[in-house]
Amino acid sequence: MRSNFNRTSLTVIIACALGACSGDSPTAVQPPSTLDDAWAQFALPAVSGFVSSMVGVPSAAQLTGPVPAACTYSASSKNFTCATVSASGVTITRSYTLYDASGNTQSAFDAKSTASIRTISTIKGTLSGLQPSANGITVDQSQDMTLSGLLGSTRMINGSSAGQISTTVAVNGTSQTVMSNQVTTYDKVTVPAEAAAQTYPTSGSIASDVTTTVGTDVVHTRFVMTFNGTSKVTVVFTSSGHSTTCIMDVTGPGSVCS
């Protein structure tokens, strides 16, 4: 029997719990004169919530923002390990590495020479007390992202994440396990250095493969989002061998599909 459970409901819960549904207005992204400024450019505030709701797991905006002062440099590993954060039943670990234009690691951020930042994050645990499940929503995700172009006129994000979300829900009066496995790749997602809150990536793409299991029902879906500098994002959905192309507006619910 095919379940009528809406996976989007689950993904929105996860995104909201991790901050993607905040009512605060995004702040403008400034050129990175400090390490804090550089971190802000990972966020892509105009699209981060949209990406989270599409792929079902937190985007780069939720996992790549440690407070630099809480991170300690290790001369042996040549990276910074950040303080572990625990909230709402989940634990987040993060570390980052700084590189100059030649790919050499750095022990401190330098606005004149730091060319890229690589960050590795994990989030694990069970979010409790959330609908649709009284048993909690278990999250296990890792993410490896690189922000480059800090010395140039554009910033570029490359990287990948892999994760699993699971919970138990009541479907037609029967308790069933819902599990969603996801692999997402950021490929040359590029924004201008002088980006504002509503600046959209000028090029690049985000591709995500999601396998969702509800009881014995398994659905595999692939999303490919391609950016062109506007709020209109081309999204190709592929499921069960069938593809649909949509032009979706990240600022609202409107979309045109063919």
C-alpha atoms as a PDB file:
ATOM      1  CA  MET A   1       0.000   0.000   0.000  1.00  0.00           C
ATOM      2  CA  ARG A   2       1.399   3.426  -0.932  1.00  0.00           C
ATOM      3  CA  SER A   3       1.544   5.813   1.983  1.00  0.00           C
ATOM      4  CA  ASN A   4       0.094   9.304   1.731  1.00  0.00           C
ATOM      5  CA  PHE A   5       2.647  10.689   4.193  1.00  0.00           C
ATOM      6  CA  ASN A   6       4.000  14.036   3.002  1.00  0.00           C
ATOM      7  CA  ARG A   7       7.831  14.029   3.246  1.00  0.00           C
ATOM      8  CA  THR A   8       7.878  17.804   2.900  1.00  0.00           C
ATOM      9  CA  SER A   9       6.229  18.094   6.333  1.00  0.00           C
ATOM     10  CA  LEU A  10       9.141  16.244   7.880  1.00  0.00           C
ATOM     11  CA  THR A  11      11.793  18.305   6.098  1.00  0.00           C
ATOM     12  CA  VAL A  12      10.169  21.608   7.044  1.00  0.00           C
ATOM     13  CA  ILE A  13      10.171  20.542  10.699  1.00  0.00           C
ATOM     14  CA  ILE A  14      13.890  19.781  10.567  1.00  0.00           C
ATOM     15  CA  ALA A  15      14.695  23.052   8.804  1.00  0.00           C
ATOM     16  CA  CYS A  16      12.636  25.096  11.293  1.00  0.00           C
ATOM     17  CA  ALA A  17      14.151  23.342  14.290  1.00  0.00           C
ATOM     18  CA  LEU A  18      17.644  24.263  13.053  1.00  0.00           C
ATOM     19  CA  GLY A  19      16.853  27.905  12.320  1.00  0.00           C
ATOM     20  CA  ALA A  20      15.889  28.021   8.642  1.00  0.00           C
ATOM     21  CA  CYS A  21      12.408  29.323   9.502  1.00  0.00           C
ATOM     22  CA  SER A  22      13.592  32.229  11.619  1.00  0.00           C
ATOM     23  CA  GLY A  23      11.619  35.425  11.188  1.00  0.00           C
ATOM     24  CA  ASP A  24      14.741  37.571  11.383  1.00  0.00           C
ATOM     25  CA  SER A  25      15.656  39.493   8.254  1.00  0.00           C
ATOM     26  CA  PRO A  26      18.898  38.279   6.633  1.00  0.00           C
ATOM     27  CA  THR A  27      21.823  40.642   6.960  1.00  0.00           C
ATOM     28  CA  ALA A  28      23.817  41.859   3.994  1.00  0.00           C
ATOM     29  CA  VAL A  29      26.867  39.828   3.063  1.00  0.00           C
ATOM     30  CA  GLN A  30      29.993  41.988   3.191  1.00  0.00           C
ATOM     31  CA  PRO A  31      33.484  41.420   1.748  1.00  0.00           C
ATOM     32  CA  PRO A  32      35.411  39.322   4.300  1.00  0.00           C
ATOM     33  CA  SER A  33      37.645  41.782   6.126  1.00  0.00           C
ATOM     34  CA  THR A  34      37.399  39.448   9.124  1.00  0.00           C
ATOM     35  CA  LEU A  35      36.846  35.724   9.573  1.00  0.00           C
ATOM     36  CA  ASP A  36      33.318  36.441  10.825  1.00  0.00           C
ATOM     37  CA  ASP A  37      32.573  38.198   7.528  1.00  0.00           C
ATOM     38  CA  ALA A  38      33.926  35.220   5.593  1.00  0.00           C
ATOM     39  CA  TRP A  39      31.647  32.823   7.501  1.00  0.00           C
ATOM     40  CA  ALA A  40      28.628  34.957   6.638  1.00  0.00           C
ATOM     41  CA  GLN A  41      29.229  34.328   2.940  1.00  0.00           C
ATOM     42  CA  PHE A  42      28.547  30.630   3.379  1.00  0.00           C
ATOM     43  CA  ALA A  43      24.930  31.392   4.213  1.00  0.00           C
ATOM     44  CA  LEU A  44      23.386  32.427   0.855  1.00  0.00           C
ATOM     45  CA  PRO A  45      20.367  33.754   2.802  1.00  0.00           C
ATOM     46  CA  ALA A  46      18.230  34.231  -0.299  1.00  0.00           C
ATOM     47  CA  VAL A  47      18.257  30.505  -1.095  1.00  0.00           C
ATOM     48  CA  SER A  48      19.247  28.570   2.041  1.00  0.00           C
ATOM     49  CA  GLY A  49      15.709  27.978   3.325  1.00  0.00           C
ATOM     50  CA  PHE A  50      14.574  26.960  -0.161  1.00  0.00           C
ATOM     51  CA  VAL A  51      17.419  24.441  -0.463  1.00  0.00           C
ATOM     52  CA  SER A  52      16.673  22.963   2.971  1.00  0.00           C
ATOM     53  CA  SER A  53      13.006  22.411   2.152  1.00  0.00           C
ATOM     54  CA  MET A  54      13.878  20.842  -1.198  1.00  0.00           C
ATOM     55  CA  VAL A  55      16.518  18.337  -0.101  1.00  0.00           C
ATOM     56  CA  GLY A  56      15.166  17.566   3.354  1.00  0.00           C
ATOM     57  CA  VAL A  57      18.236  18.328   5.472  1.00  0.00           C
ATOM     58  CA  PRO A  58      19.930  21.471   6.770  1.00  0.00           C
ATOM     59  CA  SER A  59      21.801  23.421   4.123  1.00  0.00           C
ATOM     60  CA  ALA A  60      25.238  24.986   4.378  1.00  0.00           C
ATOM     61  CA  ALA A  61      23.636  27.922   6.147  1.00  0.00           C
ATOM     62  CA  GLN A  62      22.702  25.788   9.156  1.00  0.00           C
ATOM     63  CA  LEU A  63      25.930  23.813   9.554  1.00  0.00           C
ATOM     64  CA  THR A  64      28.845  26.040   8.611  1.00  0.00           C
ATOM     65  CA  GLY A  65      28.737  28.936  11.049  1.00  0.00           C
ATOM     66  CA  PRO A  66      30.822  28.307  14.176  1.00  0.00           C
ATOM     67  CA  VAL A  67      31.959  31.242  16.261  1.00  0.00           C
ATOM     68  CA  PRO A  68      35.687  31.560  15.409  1.00  0.00           C
ATOM     69  CA  ALA A  69      36.558  32.516  18.994  1.00  0.00           C
ATOM     70  CA  ALA A  70      35.275  29.101  20.104  1.00  0.00           C
ATOM     71  CA  CYS A  71      37.667  27.252  17.763  1.00  0.00           C
ATOM     72  CA  THR A  72      41.207  26.167  18.641  1.00  0.00           C
ATOM     73  CA  TYR A  73      44.042  25.783  16.136  1.00  0.00           C
ATOM     74  CA  SER A  74      46.032  22.528  16.114  1.00  0.00           C
ATOM     75  CA  ALA A  75      49.544  22.652  14.659  1.00  0.00           C
ATOM     76  CA  SER A  76      49.503  18.875  14.089  1.00  0.00           C
ATOM     77  CA  SER A  77      46.233  18.722  12.119  1.00  0.00           C
ATOM     78  CA  LYS A  78      46.591  22.279  10.744  1.00  0.00           C
ATOM     79  CA  ASN A  79      42.938  23.040  11.310  1.00  0.00           C
ATOM     80  CA  PHE A  80      40.679  24.669  13.876  1.00  0.00           C
ATOM     81  CA  THR A  81      38.428  22.520  16.057  1.00  0.00           C
ATOM     82  CA  CYS A  82      35.352  24.320  17.333  1.00  0.00           C
ATOM     83  CA  ALA A  83      33.413  23.864  20.543  1.00  0.00           C
ATOM     84  CA  THR A  84      30.706  21.208  20.370  1.00  0.00           C
ATOM     85  CA  VAL A  85      27.205  22.650  20.412  1.00  0.00           C
ATOM     86  CA  SER A  86      24.220  20.768  21.849  1.00  0.00           C
ATOM     87  CA  ALA A  87      20.665  22.028  21.480  1.00  0.00           C
ATOM     88  CA  SER A  88      17.170  20.587  21.129  1.00  0.00           C
ATOM     89  CA  GLY A  89      18.486  17.038  21.479  1.00  0.00           C
ATOM     90  CA  VAL A  90      21.146  17.215  18.754  1.00  0.00           C
ATOM     91  CA  THR A  91      24.919  17.682  18.897  1.00  0.00           C
ATOM     92  CA  ILE A  92      26.830  19.689  16.295  1.00  0.00           C
ATOM     93  CA  THR A  93      30.582  19.365  15.731  1.00  0.00           C
ATOM     94  CA  ARG A  94      32.532  21.675  13.425  1.00  0.00           C
ATOM     95  CA  SER A  95      36.081  22.293  12.300  1.00  0.00           C
ATOM     96  CA  TYR A  96      37.646  24.440   9.607  1.00  0.00           C
ATOM     97  CA  THR A  97      40.883  24.940   7.702  1.00  0.00           C
ATOM     98  CA  LEU A  98      42.217  28.172   6.190  1.00  0.00           C
ATOM     99  CA  TYR A  99      44.193  28.225   2.916  1.00  0.00           C
ATOM    100  CA  ASP A 100      46.172  30.825   1.018  1.00  0.00           C
ATOM    101  CA  ALA A 101      46.040  31.220  -2.770  1.00  0.00           C
ATOM    102  CA  SER A 102      48.666  28.471  -3.228  1.00  0.00           C
ATOM    103  CA  GLY A 103      46.731  25.967  -1.138  1.00  0.00           C
ATOM    104  CA  ASN A 104      48.948  26.239   1.923  1.00  0.00           C
ATOM    105  CA  THR A 105      47.244  26.007   5.313  1.00  0.00           C
ATOM    106  CA  GLN A 106      47.233  29.014   7.637  1.00  0.00           C
ATOM    107  CA  SER A 107      47.198  29.274  11.427  1.00  0.00           C
ATOM    108  CA  ALA A 108      45.194  32.511  11.435  1.00  0.00           C
ATOM    109  CA  PHE A 109      42.845  34.392   9.131  1.00  0.00           C
ATOM    110  CA  ASP A 110      44.485  37.148   7.075  1.00  0.00           C
ATOM    111  CA  ALA A 111      42.234  39.374   4.971  1.00  0.00           C
ATOM    112  CA  LYS A 112      45.118  39.956   2.547  1.00  0.00           C
ATOM    113  CA  SER A 113      46.092  36.319   1.993  1.00  0.00           C
ATOM    114  CA  THR A 114      43.351  33.899   3.080  1.00  0.00           C
ATOM    115  CA  ALA A 115      41.844  32.651  -0.186  1.00  0.00           C
ATOM    116  CA  SER A 116      39.533  29.836   0.929  1.00  0.00           C
ATOM    117  CA  ILE A 117      37.967  28.123   3.922  1.00  0.00           C
ATOM    118  CA  ARG A 118      37.076  24.456   4.204  1.00  0.00           C
ATOM    119  CA  THR A 119      34.624  23.461   6.934  1.00  0.00           C
ATOM    120  CA  ILE A 120      33.573  20.007   8.111  1.00  0.00           C
ATOM    121  CA  SER A 121      30.409  19.645  10.201  1.00  0.00           C
ATOM    122  CA  THR A 122      28.298  16.900  11.710  1.00  0.00           C
ATOM    123  CA  ILE A 123      24.911  16.957  13.365  1.00  0.00           C
ATOM    124  CA  LYS A 124      23.580  13.961  15.258  1.00  0.00           C
ATOM    125  CA  GLY A 125      20.813  13.317  17.738  1.00  0.00           C
ATOM    126  CA  THR A 126      17.071  13.199  18.205  1.00  0.00           C
ATOM    127  CA  LEU A 127      14.842  16.232  18.112  1.00  0.00           C
ATOM    128  CA  SER A 128      12.060  15.518  20.615  1.00  0.00           C
ATOM    129  CA  GLY A 129       8.585  16.916  21.142  1.00  0.00           C
ATOM    130  CA  LEU A 130       7.995  17.728  17.459  1.00  0.00           C
ATOM    131  CA  GLN A 131       5.123  16.770  15.207  1.00  0.00           C
ATOM    132  CA  PRO A 132       4.373  14.535  13.342  1.00  0.00           C
ATOM    133  CA  SER A 133       6.059  12.081  15.728  1.00  0.00           C
ATOM    134  CA  ALA A 134       5.912  11.980  19.505  1.00  0.00           C
ATOM    135  CA  ASN A 135       8.964   9.701  19.394  1.00  0.00           C
ATOM    136  CA  GLY A 136      11.255  12.400  18.039  1.00  0.00           C
ATOM    137  CA  ILE A 137      13.084  12.896  14.762  1.00  0.00           C
ATOM    138  CA  THR A 138      16.560  11.388  14.514  1.00  0.00           C
ATOM    139  CA  VAL A 139      19.147  13.239  12.437  1.00  0.00           C
ATOM    140  CA  ASP A 140      22.591  12.001  11.374  1.00  0.00           C
ATOM    141  CA  GLN A 141      24.340  14.246   8.857  1.00  0.00           C
ATOM    142  CA  SER A 142      27.862  15.218   7.810  1.00  0.00           C
ATOM    143  CA  GLN A 143      28.904  18.074   5.553  1.00  0.00           C
ATOM    144  CA  ASP A 144      32.185  19.073   3.875  1.00  0.00           C
ATOM    145  CA  MET A 145      32.106  22.523   2.256  1.00  0.00           C
ATOM    146  CA  THR A 146      34.697  24.893   0.786  1.00  0.00           C
ATOM    147  CA  LEU A 147      34.262  28.631   0.240  1.00  0.00           C
ATOM    148  CA  SER A 148      36.836  29.994  -2.217  1.00  0.00           C
ATOM    149  CA  GLY A 149      37.470  33.263  -4.048  1.00  0.00           C
ATOM    150  CA  LEU A 150      37.933  35.345  -0.902  1.00  0.00           C
ATOM    151  CA  LEU A 151      40.622  37.423  -2.632  1.00  0.00           C
ATOM    152  CA  GLY A 152      38.654  37.946  -5.840  1.00  0.00           C
ATOM    153  CA  SER A 153      35.429  39.518  -7.056  1.00  0.00           C
ATOM    154  CA  THR A 154      33.271  36.392  -6.648  1.00  0.00           C
ATOM    155  CA  ARG A 155      32.796  33.730  -4.015  1.00  0.00           C
ATOM    156  CA  MET A 156      32.318  30.067  -4.879  1.00  0.00           C
ATOM    157  CA  ILE A 157      30.920  27.227  -2.765  1.00  0.00           C
ATOM    158  CA  ASN A 158      31.761  23.591  -3.511  1.00  0.00           C
ATOM    159  CA  GLY A 159      31.180  20.558  -1.357  1.00  0.00           C
ATOM    160  CA  SER A 160      28.821  17.815  -0.342  1.00  0.00           C
ATOM    161  CA  SER A 161      26.649  16.537   2.478  1.00  0.00           C
ATOM    162  CA  ALA A 162      25.196  13.159   3.348  1.00  0.00           C
ATOM    163  CA  GLY A 163      22.574  12.473   5.933  1.00  0.00           C
ATOM    164  CA  GLN A 164      19.668  10.494   7.243  1.00  0.00           C
ATOM    165  CA  ILE A 165      16.444  11.612   8.905  1.00  0.00           C
ATOM    166  CA  SER A 166      14.155   9.063  10.552  1.00  0.00           C
ATOM    167  CA  THR A 167      11.063   9.030  12.720  1.00  0.00           C
ATOM    168  CA  THR A 168       7.942   6.997  13.467  1.00  0.00           C
ATOM    169  CA  VAL A 169       4.507   8.217  12.402  1.00  0.00           C
ATOM    170  CA  ALA A 170       0.958   6.975  12.381  1.00  0.00           C
ATOM    171  CA  VAL A 171      -0.241   6.239   8.836  1.00  0.00           C
ATOM    172  CA  ASN A 172      -3.859   5.084   8.483  1.00  0.00           C
ATOM    173  CA  GLY A 173      -3.847   4.106  12.150  1.00  0.00           C
ATOM    174  CA  THR A 174      -0.643   2.061  11.861  1.00  0.00           C
ATOM    175  CA  SER A 175       2.750   3.025  13.251  1.00  0.00           C
ATOM    176  CA  GLN A 176       5.359   3.157  10.485  1.00  0.00           C
ATOM    177  CA  THR A 177       9.012   4.154  10.278  1.00  0.00           C
ATOM    178  CA  VAL A 178       9.845   7.007   7.930  1.00  0.00           C
ATOM    179  CA  MET A 179      13.474   7.205   6.809  1.00  0.00           C
ATOM    180  CA  SER A 180      15.023   9.641   4.363  1.00  0.00           C
ATOM    181  CA  ASN A 181      18.616   9.248   3.106  1.00  0.00           C
ATOM    182  CA  GLN A 182      20.176  12.125   1.186  1.00  0.00           C
ATOM    183  CA  VAL A 183      23.379  12.989  -0.649  1.00  0.00           C
ATOM    184  CA  THR A 184      23.742  16.588  -1.844  1.00  0.00           C
ATOM    185  CA  THR A 185      26.496  18.164  -3.948  1.00  0.00           C
ATOM    186  CA  TYR A 186      27.217  21.881  -4.320  1.00  0.00           C
ATOM    187  CA  ASP A 187      28.962  22.491  -7.659  1.00  0.00           C
ATOM    188  CA  LYS A 188      30.527  25.927  -8.249  1.00  0.00           C
ATOM    189  CA  VAL A 189      27.686  27.871  -6.619  1.00  0.00           C
ATOM    190  CA  THR A 190      28.907  31.425  -7.254  1.00  0.00           C
ATOM    191  CA  VAL A 191      27.892  34.818  -5.845  1.00  0.00           C
ATOM    192  CA  PRO A 192      29.421  38.310  -6.208  1.00  0.00           C
ATOM    193  CA  ALA A 193      31.699  39.505  -3.410  1.00  0.00           C
ATOM    194  CA  GLU A 194      29.466  42.549  -2.917  1.00  0.00           C
ATOM    195  CA  ALA A 195      26.414  40.401  -2.258  1.00  0.00           C
ATOM    196  CA  ALA A 196      23.314  41.629  -0.456  1.00  0.00           C
ATOM    197  CA  ALA A 197      20.672  39.628   1.400  1.00  0.00           C
ATOM    198  CA  GLN A 198      18.596  39.109  -1.746  1.00  0.00           C
ATOM    199  CA  THR A 199      21.508  38.368  -4.083  1.00  0.00           C
ATOM    200  CA  TYR A 200      21.094  35.035  -5.853  1.00  0.00           C
ATOM    201  CA  PRO A 201      23.846  32.731  -7.107  1.00  0.00           C
ATOM    202  CA  THR A 202      24.937  33.806 -10.576  1.00  0.00           C
ATOM    203  CA  SER A 203      25.845  30.270 -11.636  1.00  0.00           C
ATOM    204  CA  GLY A 204      26.403  26.756 -10.366  1.00  0.00           C
ATOM    205  CA  SER A 205      24.100  24.010  -9.240  1.00  0.00           C
ATOM    206  CA  ILE A 206      22.993  21.935  -6.257  1.00  0.00           C
ATOM    207  CA  ALA A 207      22.100  18.292  -6.879  1.00  0.00           C
ATOM    208  CA  SER A 208      20.497  16.012  -4.314  1.00  0.00           C
ATOM    209  CA  ASP A 209      19.581  12.343  -4.351  1.00  0.00           C
ATOM    210  CA  VAL A 210      16.942  11.448  -1.768  1.00  0.00           C
ATOM    211  CA  THR A 211      15.677   7.965  -0.958  1.00  0.00           C
ATOM    212  CA  THR A 212      12.610   7.965   1.298  1.00  0.00           C
ATOM    213  CA  THR A 213      11.217   4.814   2.896  1.00  0.00           C
ATOM    214  CA  VAL A 214       7.784   4.725   4.538  1.00  0.00           C
ATOM    215  CA  GLY A 215       7.111   1.202   5.790  1.00  0.00           C
ATOM    216  CA  THR A 216       7.708  -0.972   2.732  1.00  0.00           C
ATOM    217  CA  ASP A 217       7.245   1.888   0.269  1.00  0.00           C
ATOM    218  CA  VAL A 218      10.524   3.238  -1.188  1.00  0.00           C
ATOM    219  CA  VAL A 219      10.764   6.363  -3.355  1.00  0.00           C
ATOM    220  CA  HIS A 220      13.962   7.676  -4.936  1.00  0.00           C
ATOM    221  CA  THR A 221      13.997  11.289  -6.108  1.00  0.00           C
ATOM    222  CA  ARG A 222      16.749  13.392  -7.639  1.00  0.00           C
ATOM    223  CA  PHE A 223      16.691  17.194  -7.628  1.00  0.00           C
ATOM    224  CA  VAL A 224      19.059  19.366  -9.660  1.00  0.00           C
ATOM    225  CA  MET A 225      18.846  23.128  -9.035  1.00  0.00           C
ATOM    226  CA  THR A 226      20.636  25.448 -11.475  1.00  0.00           C
ATOM    227  CA  PHE A 227      21.160  29.135 -10.691  1.00  0.00           C
ATOM    228  CA  ASN A 228      21.285  32.120 -13.069  1.00  0.00           C
ATOM    229  CA  GLY A 229      21.532  35.203 -10.853  1.00  0.00           C
ATOM    230  CA  THR A 230      17.790  35.667 -10.384  1.00  0.00           C
ATOM    231  CA  SER A 231      15.223  34.314  -7.923  1.00  0.00           C
ATOM    232  CA  LYS A 232      13.922  31.971 -10.646  1.00  0.00           C
ATOM    233  CA  VAL A 233      15.690  28.633 -10.165  1.00  0.00           C
ATOM    234  CA  THR A 234      15.510  25.833 -12.721  1.00  0.00           C
ATOM    235  CA  VAL A 235      14.790  22.568 -10.898  1.00  0.00           C
ATOM    236  CA  VAL A 236      14.767  19.173 -12.606  1.00  0.00           C
ATOM    237  CA  PHE A 237      12.928  16.479 -10.627  1.00  0.00           C
ATOM    238  CA  THR A 238      13.521  12.842 -11.516  1.00  0.00           C
ATOM    239  CA  SER A 239      11.537  10.034  -9.895  1.00  0.00           C
ATOM    240  CA  SER A 240      10.753   6.509 -11.086  1.00  0.00           C
ATOM    241  CA  GLY A 241      12.506   7.241 -14.379  1.00  0.00           C
ATOM    242  CA  HIS A 242      10.384  10.300 -15.156  1.00  0.00           C
ATOM    243  CA  SER A 243      11.774  13.857 -15.214  1.00  0.00           C
ATOM    244  CA  THR A 244       9.978  17.163 -14.776  1.00  0.00           C
ATOM    245  CA  THR A 245      11.541  20.590 -15.246  1.00  0.00           C
ATOM    246  CA  CYS A 246      10.225  23.469 -13.158  1.00  0.00           C
ATOM    247  CA  ILE A 247      11.071  27.130 -12.874  1.00  0.00           C
ATOM    248  CA  MET A 248      10.651  27.852  -9.181  1.00  0.00           C
ATOM    249  CA  ASP A 249      10.745  31.252  -7.504  1.00  0.00           C
ATOM    250  CA  VAL A 250      12.711  31.002  -4.236  1.00  0.00           C
ATOM    251  CA  THR A 251      10.910  34.107  -2.915  1.00  0.00           C
ATOM    252  CA  GLY A 252       7.466  32.507  -3.046  1.00  0.00           C
ATOM    253  CA  PRO A 253       5.373  29.443  -3.851  1.00  0.00           C
ATOM    254  CA  GLY A 254       5.016  30.130  -7.573  1.00  0.00           C
ATOM    255  CA  SER A 255       6.377  27.619 -10.089  1.00  0.00           C
ATOM    256  CA  VAL A 256       5.939  26.641 -13.725  1.00  0.00           C
ATOM    257  CA  CYS A 257       6.608  23.013 -14.670  1.00  0.00           C
ATOM    258  CA  SER A 258       6.792  21.159 -17.941  1.00  0.00           C
END
